[in-house]
Amino acid sequence: MEIIEGILLLVLYFVPTILAKKLHVKDASSISYVNLVFGWTVVGWILALTWVITEWAQDLADYEPENNIEKPSDENNHQT
């Protein structure tokens, strides 16, 4: 039981790093470093998590979806 608790605590400790990698945040390696070195202080963990969220939100604001839907044209839609 202690091993499971230890693994869960370790996963919880690295939540900012996991999120940064999964969300493809551009500063993921820097966030991972801050999380690793300063995460044991609660302030460092909160800083890393806040950094992930702000970078991800900023990337979402800059995201422009590609319009891959083809518009029907006269050439493709003519009926005979």
PDB file of N, CA and C in Angstrom:
ATOM      1  N   MET A   1       0.822  -1.191   0.000  1.00  0.00           N
ATOM      2  CA  MET A   1       0.000   0.000   0.000  1.00  0.00           C
ATOM      3  C   MET A   1       0.871   1.262   0.000  1.00  0.00           C
ATOM      4  N   GLU A   2       1.989   1.222   0.668  1.00  0.00           N
ATOM      5  CA  GLU A   2       2.867   2.387   0.719  1.00  0.00           C
ATOM      6  C   GLU A   2       3.457   2.691  -0.656  1.00  0.00           C
ATOM      7  N   ILE A   3       3.683   1.663  -1.452  1.00  0.00           N
ATOM      8  CA  ILE A   3       4.240   1.865  -2.790  1.00  0.00           C
ATOM      9  C   ILE A   3       3.236   2.601  -3.673  1.00  0.00           C
ATOM     10  N   ILE A   4       1.968   2.225  -3.574  1.00  0.00           N
ATOM     11  CA  ILE A   4       0.928   2.869  -4.377  1.00  0.00           C
ATOM     12  C   ILE A   4       0.794   4.334  -3.974  1.00  0.00           C
ATOM     13  N   GLU A   5       0.821   4.605  -2.689  1.00  0.00           N
ATOM     14  CA  GLU A   5       0.737   5.983  -2.218  1.00  0.00           C
ATOM     15  C   GLU A   5       1.933   6.804  -2.690  1.00  0.00           C
ATOM     16  N   GLY A   6       3.106   6.198  -2.673  1.00  0.00           N
ATOM     17  CA  GLY A   6       4.306   6.878  -3.147  1.00  0.00           C
ATOM     18  C   GLY A   6       4.234   7.206  -4.628  1.00  0.00           C
ATOM     19  N   ILE A   7       3.726   6.259  -5.407  1.00  0.00           N
ATOM     20  CA  ILE A   7       3.583   6.487  -6.850  1.00  0.00           C
ATOM     21  C   ILE A   7       2.569   7.594  -7.114  1.00  0.00           C
ATOM     22  N   LEU A   8       1.457   7.579  -6.398  1.00  0.00           N
ATOM     23  CA  LEU A   8       0.444   8.622  -6.571  1.00  0.00           C
ATOM     24  C   LEU A   8       0.988  10.003  -6.207  1.00  0.00           C
ATOM     25  N   LEU A   9       1.759  10.078  -5.125  1.00  0.00           N
ATOM     26  CA  LEU A   9       2.362  11.352  -4.730  1.00  0.00           C
ATOM     27  C   LEU A   9       3.378  11.823  -5.764  1.00  0.00           C
ATOM     28  N   LEU A  10       4.124  10.898  -6.335  1.00  0.00           N
ATOM     29  CA  LEU A  10       5.094  11.245  -7.368  1.00  0.00           C
ATOM     30  C   LEU A  10       4.391  11.766  -8.626  1.00  0.00           C
ATOM     31  N   VAL A  11       3.317  11.121  -9.014  1.00  0.00           N
ATOM     32  CA  VAL A  11       2.544  11.586 -10.169  1.00  0.00           C
ATOM     33  C   VAL A  11       1.955  12.968  -9.878  1.00  0.00           C
ATOM     34  N   LEU A  12       1.419  13.160  -8.697  1.00  0.00           N
ATOM     35  CA  LEU A  12       0.861  14.450  -8.310  1.00  0.00           C
ATOM     36  C   LEU A  12       1.936  15.537  -8.328  1.00  0.00           C
ATOM     37  N   TYR A  13       3.131  15.198  -7.876  1.00  0.00           N
ATOM     38  CA  TYR A  13       4.247  16.142  -7.860  1.00  0.00           C
ATOM     39  C   TYR A  13       4.583  16.616  -9.267  1.00  0.00           C
ATOM     40  N   PHE A  14       4.502  15.728 -10.246  1.00  0.00           N
ATOM     41  CA  PHE A  14       4.877  16.064 -11.612  1.00  0.00           C
ATOM     42  C   PHE A  14       3.685  16.411 -12.513  1.00  0.00           C
ATOM     43  N   VAL A  15       2.555  16.760 -11.945  1.00  0.00           N
ATOM     44  CA  VAL A  15       1.393  17.157 -12.746  1.00  0.00           C
ATOM     45  C   VAL A  15       1.719  18.326 -13.672  1.00  0.00           C
ATOM     46  N   PRO A  16       2.400  19.393 -13.214  1.00  0.00           N
ATOM     47  CA  PRO A  16       2.731  20.471 -14.164  1.00  0.00           C
ATOM     48  C   PRO A  16       3.594  19.993 -15.334  1.00  0.00           C
ATOM     49  N   THR A  17       4.546  19.117 -15.068  1.00  0.00           N
ATOM     50  CA  THR A  17       5.399  18.583 -16.134  1.00  0.00           C
ATOM     51  C   THR A  17       4.594  17.730 -17.102  1.00  0.00           C
ATOM     52  N   ILE A  18       3.743  16.878 -16.580  1.00  0.00           N
ATOM     53  CA  ILE A  18       2.917  16.011 -17.422  1.00  0.00           C
ATOM     54  C   ILE A  18       1.989  16.840 -18.296  1.00  0.00           C
ATOM     55  N   LEU A  19       1.367  17.853 -17.714  1.00  0.00           N
ATOM     56  CA  LEU A  19       0.475  18.711 -18.490  1.00  0.00           C
ATOM     57  C   LEU A  19       1.238  19.470 -19.574  1.00  0.00           C
ATOM     58  N   ALA A  20       2.421  19.964 -19.233  1.00  0.00           N
ATOM     59  CA  ALA A  20       3.215  20.714 -20.214  1.00  0.00           C
ATOM     60  C   ALA A  20       3.573  19.840 -21.406  1.00  0.00           C
ATOM     61  N   LYS A  21       3.925  18.588 -21.151  1.00  0.00           N
ATOM     62  CA  LYS A  21       4.274  17.675 -22.243  1.00  0.00           C
ATOM     63  C   LYS A  21       3.042  17.278 -23.058  1.00  0.00           C
ATOM     64  N   LYS A  22       1.928  16.999 -22.386  1.00  0.00           N
ATOM     65  CA  LYS A  22       0.712  16.572 -23.072  1.00  0.00           C
ATOM     66  C   LYS A  22       0.103  17.694 -23.902  1.00  0.00           C
ATOM     67  N   LEU A  23       0.186  18.938 -23.399  1.00  0.00           N
ATOM     68  CA  LEU A  23      -0.414  20.069 -24.096  1.00  0.00           C
ATOM     69  C   LEU A  23       0.540  20.717 -25.093  1.00  0.00           C
ATOM     70  N   HIS A  24       1.743  20.159 -25.216  1.00  0.00           N
ATOM     71  CA  HIS A  24       2.758  20.654 -26.155  1.00  0.00           C
ATOM     72  C   HIS A  24       3.063  22.142 -25.949  1.00  0.00           C
ATOM     73  N   VAL A  25       3.261  22.494 -24.684  1.00  0.00           N
ATOM     74  CA  VAL A  25       3.606  23.877 -24.349  1.00  0.00           C
ATOM     75  C   VAL A  25       5.038  24.125 -24.791  1.00  0.00           C
ATOM     76  N   LYS A  26       5.297  25.308 -25.361  1.00  0.00           N
ATOM     77  CA  LYS A  26       6.613  25.564 -25.937  1.00  0.00           C
ATOM     78  C   LYS A  26       7.736  25.603 -24.901  1.00  0.00           C
ATOM     79  N   ASP A  27       7.458  25.979 -23.661  1.00  0.00           N
ATOM     80  CA  ASP A  27       8.477  26.025 -22.611  1.00  0.00           C
ATOM     81  C   ASP A  27       8.413  24.807 -21.700  1.00  0.00           C
ATOM     82  N   ALA A  28       8.057  23.669 -22.235  1.00  0.00           N
ATOM     83  CA  ALA A  28       7.846  22.474 -21.416  1.00  0.00           C
ATOM     84  C   ALA A  28       9.099  22.057 -20.664  1.00  0.00           C
ATOM     85  N   SER A  29      10.264  22.170 -21.284  1.00  0.00           N
ATOM     86  CA  SER A  29      11.495  21.760 -20.593  1.00  0.00           C
ATOM     87  C   SER A  29      11.814  22.703 -19.437  1.00  0.00           C
ATOM     88  N   SER A  30      11.579  23.981 -19.603  1.00  0.00           N
ATOM     89  CA  SER A  30      11.814  24.940 -18.513  1.00  0.00           C
ATOM     90  C   SER A  30      10.823  24.718 -17.375  1.00  0.00           C
ATOM     91  N   ILE A  31       9.588  24.449 -17.735  1.00  0.00           N
ATOM     92  CA  ILE A  31       8.565  24.166 -16.721  1.00  0.00           C
ATOM     93  C   ILE A  31       8.922  22.893 -15.962  1.00  0.00           C
ATOM     94  N   SER A  32       9.422  21.902 -16.672  1.00  0.00           N
ATOM     95  CA  SER A  32       9.832  20.655 -16.025  1.00  0.00           C
ATOM     96  C   SER A  32      10.971  20.894 -15.047  1.00  0.00           C
ATOM     97  N   TYR A  33      11.918  21.741 -15.434  1.00  0.00           N
ATOM     98  CA  TYR A  33      13.045  22.053 -14.548  1.00  0.00           C
ATOM     99  C   TYR A  33      12.566  22.758 -13.282  1.00  0.00           C
ATOM    100  N   VAL A  34      11.705  23.757 -13.438  1.00  0.00           N
ATOM    101  CA  VAL A  34      11.170  24.475 -12.281  1.00  0.00           C
ATOM    102  C   VAL A  34      10.395  23.522 -11.388  1.00  0.00           C
ATOM    103  N   ASN A  35       9.619  22.649 -11.994  1.00  0.00           N
ATOM    104  CA  ASN A  35       8.843  21.683 -11.225  1.00  0.00           C
ATOM    105  C   ASN A  35       9.750  20.722 -10.467  1.00  0.00           C
ATOM    106  N   LEU A  36      10.804  20.257 -11.118  1.00  0.00           N
ATOM    107  CA  LEU A  36      11.716  19.317 -10.486  1.00  0.00           C
ATOM    108  C   LEU A  36      12.484  19.948  -9.324  1.00  0.00           C
ATOM    109  N   VAL A  37      13.017  21.151  -9.565  1.00  0.00           N
ATOM    110  CA  VAL A  37      13.888  21.773  -8.570  1.00  0.00           C
ATOM    111  C   VAL A  37      13.109  22.470  -7.462  1.00  0.00           C
ATOM    112  N   PHE A  38      12.041  23.196  -7.835  1.00  0.00           N
ATOM    113  CA  PHE A  38      11.331  24.011  -6.846  1.00  0.00           C
ATOM    114  C   PHE A  38       9.947  23.487  -6.496  1.00  0.00           C
ATOM    115  N   GLY A  39       9.561  22.358  -7.059  1.00  0.00           N
ATOM    116  CA  GLY A  39       8.229  21.826  -6.819  1.00  0.00           C
ATOM    117  C   GLY A  39       7.989  21.401  -5.384  1.00  0.00           C
ATOM    118  N   TRP A  40       9.045  21.050  -4.670  1.00  0.00           N
ATOM    119  CA  TRP A  40       8.879  20.615  -3.288  1.00  0.00           C
ATOM    120  C   TRP A  40       8.412  21.760  -2.396  1.00  0.00           C
ATOM    121  N   THR A  41       8.713  23.002  -2.815  1.00  0.00           N
ATOM    122  CA  THR A  41       8.092  24.135  -2.129  1.00  0.00           C
ATOM    123  C   THR A  41       6.748  24.305  -2.811  1.00  0.00           C
ATOM    124  N   VAL A  42       5.744  24.463  -2.075  1.00  0.00           N
ATOM    125  CA  VAL A  42       4.407  24.550  -2.655  1.00  0.00           C
ATOM    126  C   VAL A  42       4.334  25.724  -3.638  1.00  0.00           C
ATOM    127  N   VAL A  43       5.062  26.777  -3.351  1.00  0.00           N
ATOM    128  CA  VAL A  43       5.074  27.942  -4.227  1.00  0.00           C
ATOM    129  C   VAL A  43       5.644  27.587  -5.594  1.00  0.00           C
ATOM    130  N   GLY A  44       6.712  26.792  -5.638  1.00  0.00           N
ATOM    131  CA  GLY A  44       7.309  26.370  -6.902  1.00  0.00           C
ATOM    132  C   GLY A  44       6.375  25.506  -7.714  1.00  0.00           C
ATOM    133  N   TRP A  45       5.630  24.632  -7.051  1.00  0.00           N
ATOM    134  CA  TRP A  45       4.671  23.767  -7.743  1.00  0.00           C
ATOM    135  C   TRP A  45       3.539  24.595  -8.332  1.00  0.00           C
ATOM    136  N   ILE A  46       3.029  25.539  -7.552  1.00  0.00           N
ATOM    137  CA  ILE A  46       1.953  26.410  -8.029  1.00  0.00           C
ATOM    138  C   ILE A  46       2.454  27.290  -9.171  1.00  0.00           C
ATOM    139  N   LEU A  47       3.690  27.771  -9.075  1.00  0.00           N
ATOM    140  CA  LEU A  47       4.280  28.573 -10.138  1.00  0.00           C
ATOM    141  C   LEU A  47       4.362  27.772 -11.437  1.00  0.00           C
ATOM    142  N   ALA A  48       4.834  26.536 -11.352  1.00  0.00           N
ATOM    143  CA  ALA A  48       4.948  25.689 -12.544  1.00  0.00           C
ATOM    144  C   ALA A  48       3.577  25.404 -13.141  1.00  0.00           C
ATOM    145  N   LEU A  49       2.605  25.120 -12.312  1.00  0.00           N
ATOM    146  CA  LEU A  49       1.254  24.841 -12.808  1.00  0.00           C
ATOM    147  C   LEU A  49       0.634  26.082 -13.442  1.00  0.00           C
ATOM    148  N   THR A  50       0.824  27.234 -12.822  1.00  0.00           N
ATOM    149  CA  THR A  50       0.321  28.489 -13.381  1.00  0.00           C
ATOM    150  C   THR A  50       0.987  28.793 -14.713  1.00  0.00           C
ATOM    151  N   TRP A  51       2.266  28.523 -14.814  1.00  0.00           N
ATOM    152  CA  TRP A  51       3.019  28.742 -16.048  1.00  0.00           C
ATOM    153  C   TRP A  51       2.458  27.885 -17.179  1.00  0.00           C
ATOM    154  N   VAL A  52       2.166  26.624 -16.876  1.00  0.00           N
ATOM    155  CA  VAL A  52       1.586  25.732 -17.884  1.00  0.00           C
ATOM    156  C   VAL A  52       0.245  26.266 -18.362  1.00  0.00           C
ATOM    157  N   ILE A  53      -0.592  26.652 -17.440  1.00  0.00           N
ATOM    158  CA  ILE A  53      -1.938  27.104 -17.795  1.00  0.00           C
ATOM    159  C   ILE A  53      -1.891  28.387 -18.615  1.00  0.00           C
ATOM    160  N   THR A  54      -1.028  29.329 -18.230  1.00  0.00           N
ATOM    161  CA  THR A  54      -0.960  30.590 -18.978  1.00  0.00           C
ATOM    162  C   THR A  54      -0.372  30.379 -20.372  1.00  0.00           C
ATOM    163  N   GLU A  55       0.647  29.540 -20.491  1.00  0.00           N
ATOM    164  CA  GLU A  55       1.224  29.260 -21.814  1.00  0.00           C
ATOM    165  C   GLU A  55       0.208  28.557 -22.706  1.00  0.00           C
ATOM    166  N   TRP A  56      -0.518  27.610 -22.144  1.00  0.00           N
ATOM    167  CA  TRP A  56      -1.515  26.877 -22.907  1.00  0.00           C
ATOM    168  C   TRP A  56      -2.650  27.803 -23.343  1.00  0.00           C
ATOM    169  N   ALA A  57      -3.118  28.666 -22.434  1.00  0.00           N
ATOM    170  CA  ALA A  57      -4.188  29.604 -22.770  1.00  0.00           C
ATOM    171  C   ALA A  57      -3.724  30.599 -23.827  1.00  0.00           C
ATOM    172  N   GLN A  58      -2.477  31.008 -23.753  1.00  0.00           N
ATOM    173  CA  GLN A  58      -1.933  31.933 -24.737  1.00  0.00           C
ATOM    174  C   GLN A  58      -1.849  31.261 -26.111  1.00  0.00           C
ATOM    175  N   ASP A  59      -1.454  30.001 -26.129  1.00  0.00           N
ATOM    176  CA  ASP A  59      -1.410  29.257 -27.388  1.00  0.00           C
ATOM    177  C   ASP A  59      -2.804  29.078 -27.974  1.00  0.00           C
ATOM    178  N   LEU A  60      -3.801  28.891 -27.116  1.00  0.00           N
ATOM    179  CA  LEU A  60      -5.170  28.760 -27.601  1.00  0.00           C
ATOM    180  C   LEU A  60      -5.659  30.058 -28.222  1.00  0.00           C
ATOM    181  N   ALA A  61      -5.278  31.184 -27.631  1.00  0.00           N
ATOM    182  CA  ALA A  61      -5.697  32.477 -28.168  1.00  0.00           C
ATOM    183  C   ALA A  61      -5.062  32.728 -29.536  1.00  0.00           C
ATOM    184  N   ASP A  62      -3.854  32.242 -29.747  1.00  0.00           N
ATOM    185  CA  ASP A  62      -3.156  32.430 -31.014  1.00  0.00           C
ATOM    186  C   ASP A  62      -3.522  31.381 -32.057  1.00  0.00           C
ATOM    187  N   TYR A  63      -4.265  30.369 -31.642  1.00  0.00           N
ATOM    188  CA  TYR A  63      -4.586  29.248 -32.528  1.00  0.00           C
ATOM    189  C   TYR A  63      -5.622  29.669 -33.552  1.00  0.00           C
ATOM    190  N   GLU A  64      -5.335  29.418 -34.795  1.00  0.00           N
ATOM    191  CA  GLU A  64      -6.286  29.658 -35.872  1.00  0.00           C
ATOM    192  C   GLU A  64      -6.507  28.336 -36.604  1.00  0.00           C
ATOM    193  N   PRO A  65      -7.703  27.790 -36.489  1.00  0.00           N
ATOM    194  CA  PRO A  65      -7.941  26.502 -37.147  1.00  0.00           C
ATOM    195  C   PRO A  65      -7.885  26.652 -38.654  1.00  0.00           C
ATOM    196  N   GLU A  66      -7.373  25.616 -39.275  1.00  0.00           N
ATOM    197  CA  GLU A  66      -7.313  25.616 -40.730  1.00  0.00           C
ATOM    198  C   GLU A  66      -8.686  25.258 -41.280  1.00  0.00           C
ATOM    199  N   ASN A  67      -9.045  25.933 -42.325  1.00  0.00           N
ATOM    200  CA  ASN A  67     -10.325  25.655 -42.952  1.00  0.00           C
ATOM    201  C   ASN A  67     -10.097  24.635 -44.063  1.00  0.00           C
ATOM    202  N   ASN A  68     -10.292  23.377 -43.747  1.00  0.00           N
ATOM    203  CA  ASN A  68     -10.066  22.301 -44.714  1.00  0.00           C
ATOM    204  C   ASN A  68     -11.340  21.859 -45.417  1.00  0.00           C
ATOM    205  N   ILE A  69     -12.440  22.501 -45.099  1.00  0.00           N
ATOM    206  CA  ILE A  69     -13.699  22.113 -45.710  1.00  0.00           C
ATOM    207  C   ILE A  69     -13.758  22.714 -47.107  1.00  0.00           C
ATOM    208  N   GLU A  70     -13.971  21.860 -48.082  1.00  0.00           N
ATOM    209  CA  GLU A  70     -14.039  22.330 -49.457  1.00  0.00           C
ATOM    210  C   GLU A  70     -15.412  22.925 -49.716  1.00  0.00           C
ATOM    211  N   LYS A  71     -15.421  24.067 -50.349  1.00  0.00           N
ATOM    212  CA  LYS A  71     -16.678  24.688 -50.727  1.00  0.00           C
ATOM    213  C   LYS A  71     -17.131  24.073 -52.054  1.00  0.00           C
ATOM    214  N   PRO A  72     -18.412  23.843 -52.156  1.00  0.00           N
ATOM    215  CA  PRO A  72     -18.882  23.265 -53.412  1.00  0.00           C
ATOM    216  C   PRO A  72     -18.695  24.273 -54.548  1.00  0.00           C
ATOM    217  N   SER A  73     -18.238  23.795 -55.645  1.00  0.00           N
ATOM    218  CA  SER A  73     -18.075  24.656 -56.810  1.00  0.00           C
ATOM    219  C   SER A  73     -19.002  24.175 -57.915  1.00  0.00           C
ATOM    220  N   ASP A  74     -19.140  24.996 -58.927  1.00  0.00           N
ATOM    221  CA  ASP A  74     -20.017  24.639 -60.036  1.00  0.00           C
ATOM    222  C   ASP A  74     -19.511  23.408 -60.772  1.00  0.00           C
ATOM    223  N   GLU A  75     -18.208  23.228 -60.816  1.00  0.00           N
ATOM    224  CA  GLU A  75     -17.634  22.097 -61.543  1.00  0.00           C
ATOM    225  C   GLU A  75     -17.963  20.771 -60.887  1.00  0.00           C
ATOM    226  N   ASN A  76     -17.988  20.763 -59.563  1.00  0.00           N
ATOM    227  CA  ASN A  76     -18.211  19.506 -58.848  1.00  0.00           C
ATOM    228  C   ASN A  76     -19.684  19.222 -58.602  1.00  0.00           C
ATOM    229  N   ASN A  77     -20.532  20.217 -58.694  1.00  0.00           N
ATOM    230  CA  ASN A  77     -21.925  20.040 -58.316  1.00  0.00           C
ATOM    231  C   ASN A  77     -22.911  20.130 -59.476  1.00  0.00           C
ATOM    232  N   HIS A  78     -22.474  20.117 -60.674  1.00  0.00           N
ATOM    233  CA  HIS A  78     -23.427  20.216 -61.762  1.00  0.00           C
ATOM    234  C   HIS A  78     -24.156  18.887 -61.951  1.00  0.00           C
ATOM    235  N   GLN A  79     -25.416  19.021 -62.200  1.00  0.00           N
ATOM    236  CA  GLN A  79     -26.239  17.824 -62.402  1.00  0.00           C
ATOM    237  C   GLN A  79     -26.555  17.697 -63.885  1.00  0.00           C
ATOM    238  N   THR A  80     -26.586  16.477 -64.374  1.00  0.00           N
ATOM    239  CA  THR A  80     -26.897  16.250 -65.781  1.00  0.00           C
ATOM    240  C   THR A  80     -28.185  15.500 -65.941  1.00  0.00           C
TER     241      THR A  80
END
